[in-house]
């Protein structure tokens, strides 16, 4: 069973939320849930493995161990 509750927000906050809606019929409930999901995603940190992979890729770029798209196409004979 879903319990409905009321919250108090300032007119300024309500106006900002209204502007963020993707469509006029989007509820504040839907919008708030989307905003919370975005906030949670921002808190996610990259894994150690991902950080190492990024560091290696950056090093490869510095050392010139990369191909341009044109070079790769030529190399593969596409």
Protein backbone atom coordinates (compact mmCIF):
# COMPACT_ATOMS: atom_id res chain seq x y z
CA UNK A 1 0.00 0.00 0.00
CA UNK A 2 1.38 3.39 -1.02
CA UNK A 3 1.15 6.08 1.61
CA UNK A 4 0.65 9.56 0.26
CA UNK A 5 2.20 12.44 2.14
CA UNK A 6 2.50 16.18 1.73
CA UNK A 7 5.75 18.13 1.84
CA UNK A 8 6.29 21.84 2.04
CA UNK A 9 8.60 23.55 -0.44
CA UNK A 10 9.16 27.17 -1.29
CA UNK A 11 7.65 28.73 -4.39
CA UNK A 12 11.18 29.10 -5.76
CA UNK A 13 11.84 25.36 -5.40
CA UNK A 14 8.48 24.52 -6.96
CA UNK A 15 9.27 26.78 -9.91
CA UNK A 16 12.70 25.16 -10.37
CA UNK A 17 11.13 21.69 -10.27
CA UNK A 18 8.49 22.75 -12.79
CA UNK A 19 11.22 23.85 -15.21
CA UNK A 20 12.99 20.49 -14.83
CA UNK A 21 9.95 18.46 -15.87
CA UNK A 22 10.36 16.63 -19.18
CA UNK A 23 6.68 17.00 -19.97
CA UNK A 24 3.73 18.81 -18.43
CA UNK A 25 2.08 15.63 -17.12
CA UNK A 26 5.21 14.42 -15.31
CA UNK A 27 4.49 14.29 -11.59
CA UNK A 28 6.71 15.77 -8.92
CA UNK A 29 7.06 12.23 -7.57
CA UNK A 30 8.55 11.05 -10.88
CA UNK A 31 10.81 14.07 -11.10
CA UNK A 32 12.09 13.74 -7.53
CA UNK A 33 12.82 10.05 -8.07
CA UNK A 34 14.84 10.87 -11.21
CA UNK A 35 16.79 13.54 -9.35
CA UNK A 36 17.53 11.12 -6.51
CA UNK A 37 18.77 8.50 -9.00
CA UNK A 38 21.06 11.06 -10.60
CA UNK A 39 22.42 12.06 -7.19
CA UNK A 40 23.12 8.40 -6.35
CA UNK A 41 24.90 7.87 -9.67
CA UNK A 42 27.14 10.85 -8.95
CA UNK A 43 28.26 9.17 -5.74
CA UNK A 44 29.34 6.00 -7.53
CA UNK A 45 33.09 5.69 -7.66
CA UNK A 46 35.09 3.96 -10.34
CA UNK A 47 36.47 0.56 -9.41
CA UNK A 48 40.20 0.12 -8.89
CA UNK A 49 40.34 -1.98 -12.06
CA UNK A 50 38.65 0.76 -14.09
CA UNK A 51 41.01 3.40 -12.69
CA UNK A 52 44.01 1.23 -13.62
CA UNK A 53 42.61 0.74 -17.13
CA UNK A 54 42.19 4.48 -17.58
CA UNK A 55 45.72 5.13 -16.32
CA UNK A 56 47.12 2.53 -18.75
CA UNK A 57 45.16 4.02 -21.66
CA UNK A 58 46.50 7.48 -20.84
CA UNK A 59 50.05 6.08 -20.73
CA UNK A 60 49.53 4.34 -24.09
CA UNK A 61 48.41 7.65 -25.58
CA UNK A 62 51.47 9.43 -24.21
CA UNK A 63 53.72 6.72 -25.66
CA UNK A 64 52.00 6.85 -29.04
CA UNK A 65 50.65 3.29 -28.75
CA UNK A 66 47.40 4.26 -30.43
CA UNK A 67 45.96 4.30 -33.95
CA UNK A 68 43.77 6.88 -35.57
CA UNK A 69 40.59 5.56 -37.14
CA UNK A 70 42.08 6.06 -40.61
CA UNK A 71 45.24 4.15 -39.65
CA UNK A 72 43.20 1.30 -38.22
CA UNK A 73 41.02 1.08 -41.34
CA UNK A 74 44.13 1.03 -43.52
CA UNK A 75 45.81 -1.58 -41.25
CA UNK A 76 42.75 -3.84 -41.36
CA UNK A 77 42.21 -3.32 -45.06
CA UNK A 78 38.64 -2.22 -44.65
